[in-house]
Amino acid sequence: LNKVDVPGATRHVEEARAQYPSRVLVPVSARSEVERLRAHASAGADGARSYSPDGSTGTLDVLSAAVALRPPTLAFPSSDLATLASLGRGADAARLFDCLLLRPLSTVA
């Protein structure tokens, strides 16, 4: 739900949540996020306004909600299931050293 920084947006967010109770709806302000990024790039500080009291623009909340819906599959390549030695790292390598993030519902053959 973008544009939550404009007047009256709170009412629209509440209406959308009431109309779609089974959906994940996250308020976000793309304009505030762009302003934050520009301020950070030019001044090295966070001088942009935000729509919420905690200083959030909602961008991280949107990404977190998306990942929570379909978390990645973690794969730890191993050359030996008994010792859990990492694949291709030698005998004295740490166990389960490497981790691959696979797309949701991926399989490894």
Protein backbone atom coordinates (compact mmCIF):
# COMPACT_ATOMS: atom_id res chain seq x y z
CA LEU A 1 0.00 0.00 0.00
CA ASN A 2 2.02 2.92 -1.29
CA LYS A 3 1.51 6.64 -0.66
CA VAL A 4 0.81 6.34 3.05
CA ASP A 5 2.50 9.68 3.55
CA VAL A 6 -0.40 11.62 1.97
CA PRO A 7 -3.31 12.98 4.04
CA GLY A 8 -6.13 10.48 4.51
CA ALA A 9 -3.95 7.45 3.82
CA THR A 10 -4.54 5.93 7.23
CA ARG A 11 -8.25 5.60 6.49
CA HIS A 12 -7.52 3.91 3.15
CA VAL A 13 -5.12 1.46 4.80
CA GLU A 14 -7.77 0.52 7.38
CA GLU A 15 -10.40 0.08 4.64
CA ALA A 16 -8.09 -2.11 2.57
CA ARG A 17 -7.26 -4.28 5.58
CA ALA A 18 -10.97 -4.65 6.35
CA GLN A 19 -11.76 -5.55 2.74
CA TYR A 20 -8.86 -8.02 2.38
CA PRO A 21 -8.38 -9.57 5.83
CA SER A 22 -6.50 -12.63 4.57
CA ARG A 23 -3.95 -10.61 2.57
CA VAL A 24 -0.64 -9.23 3.79
CA LEU A 25 -0.93 -5.47 3.35
CA VAL A 26 2.06 -3.35 4.34
CA PRO A 27 1.94 0.46 4.28
CA VAL A 28 4.89 2.08 2.54
CA SER A 29 5.96 5.50 1.30
CA ALA A 30 8.11 5.20 -1.80
CA ARG A 31 8.56 8.99 -1.93
CA SER A 32 9.92 9.04 1.63
CA GLU A 33 12.26 6.16 0.83
CA VAL A 34 13.64 7.95 -2.25
CA GLU A 35 14.08 11.15 -0.22
CA ARG A 36 15.88 9.18 2.49
CA LEU A 37 18.22 7.61 -0.06
CA ARG A 38 18.95 10.96 -1.72
CA ALA A 39 19.62 12.65 1.62
CA HIS A 40 21.90 9.83 2.66
CA ALA A 41 23.80 9.91 -0.64
CA SER A 42 24.27 13.67 -0.71
CA ALA A 43 24.77 14.56 2.95
CA GLY A 44 25.75 11.24 4.46
CA ALA A 45 22.88 11.57 6.92
CA ASP A 46 19.26 10.57 7.15
CA GLY A 47 17.45 13.89 6.74
CA ALA A 48 14.31 12.79 4.90
CA ARG A 49 10.87 12.73 6.43
CA SER A 50 9.11 9.48 7.16
CA TYR A 51 5.47 8.59 7.47
CA SER A 52 5.73 6.81 10.82
CA PRO A 53 6.92 7.94 14.26
CA ASP A 54 9.69 5.34 14.32
CA GLY A 55 11.28 6.84 11.20
CA SER A 56 10.32 3.99 8.90
CA THR A 57 9.39 4.44 5.26
CA GLY A 58 7.95 0.93 5.18
CA THR A 59 10.43 -0.46 2.66
CA LEU A 60 12.09 -2.90 5.05
CA ASP A 61 8.66 -3.97 6.33
CA VAL A 62 7.57 -4.79 2.76
CA LEU A 63 10.68 -6.87 2.07
CA SER A 64 10.40 -8.66 5.40
CA ALA A 65 6.75 -9.51 4.76
CA ALA A 66 7.58 -10.83 1.27
CA VAL A 67 10.36 -13.07 2.56
CA ALA A 68 8.14 -14.30 5.39
CA LEU A 69 5.56 -15.42 2.83
CA ARG A 70 8.11 -17.54 0.93
CA PRO A 71 11.28 -18.05 2.95
CA PRO A 72 14.28 -19.37 1.00
CA THR A 73 15.51 -22.93 1.26
CA LEU A 74 18.96 -23.20 2.83
CA ALA A 75 21.40 -25.79 1.44
CA PHE A 76 24.76 -26.68 2.98
CA PRO A 77 26.93 -28.49 0.39
CA SER A 78 28.86 -31.24 2.11
CA SER A 79 31.38 -33.76 0.82
CA ASP A 80 30.79 -36.17 3.71
CA LEU A 81 27.53 -36.55 5.61
CA ALA A 82 29.31 -38.24 8.53
CA THR A 83 31.74 -35.36 9.21
CA LEU A 84 29.70 -32.60 7.51
CA ALA A 85 32.89 -31.34 5.82
CA SER A 86 32.18 -28.50 3.43
CA LEU A 87 32.37 -29.37 -0.24
CA GLY A 88 35.66 -28.41 -1.94
CA ARG A 89 37.29 -26.83 1.12
CA GLY A 90 39.73 -29.56 2.13
CA ALA A 91 39.83 -31.95 5.06
CA ASP A 92 40.48 -29.32 7.73
CA ALA A 93 37.71 -26.95 6.61
CA ALA A 94 34.96 -25.96 8.99
CA ARG A 95 31.83 -28.06 9.03
CA LEU A 96 28.86 -26.67 7.10
CA PHE A 97 30.96 -23.64 6.17
CA ASP A 98 29.10 -22.75 2.97
CA CYS A 99 25.40 -21.98 2.73
CA LEU A 100 23.44 -21.56 -0.48
CA LEU A 101 20.12 -19.74 -0.62
CA LEU A 102 17.79 -21.53 -2.99
CA ARG A 103 14.54 -20.23 -4.37
CA PRO A 104 11.44 -21.44 -2.53
CA LEU A 105 10.31 -24.94 -3.55
CA SER A 106 13.73 -25.68 -5.13
CA THR A 107 15.15 -29.17 -4.98
CA VAL A 108 18.69 -30.47 -5.33
CA ALA A 109 19.30 -33.74 -7.15
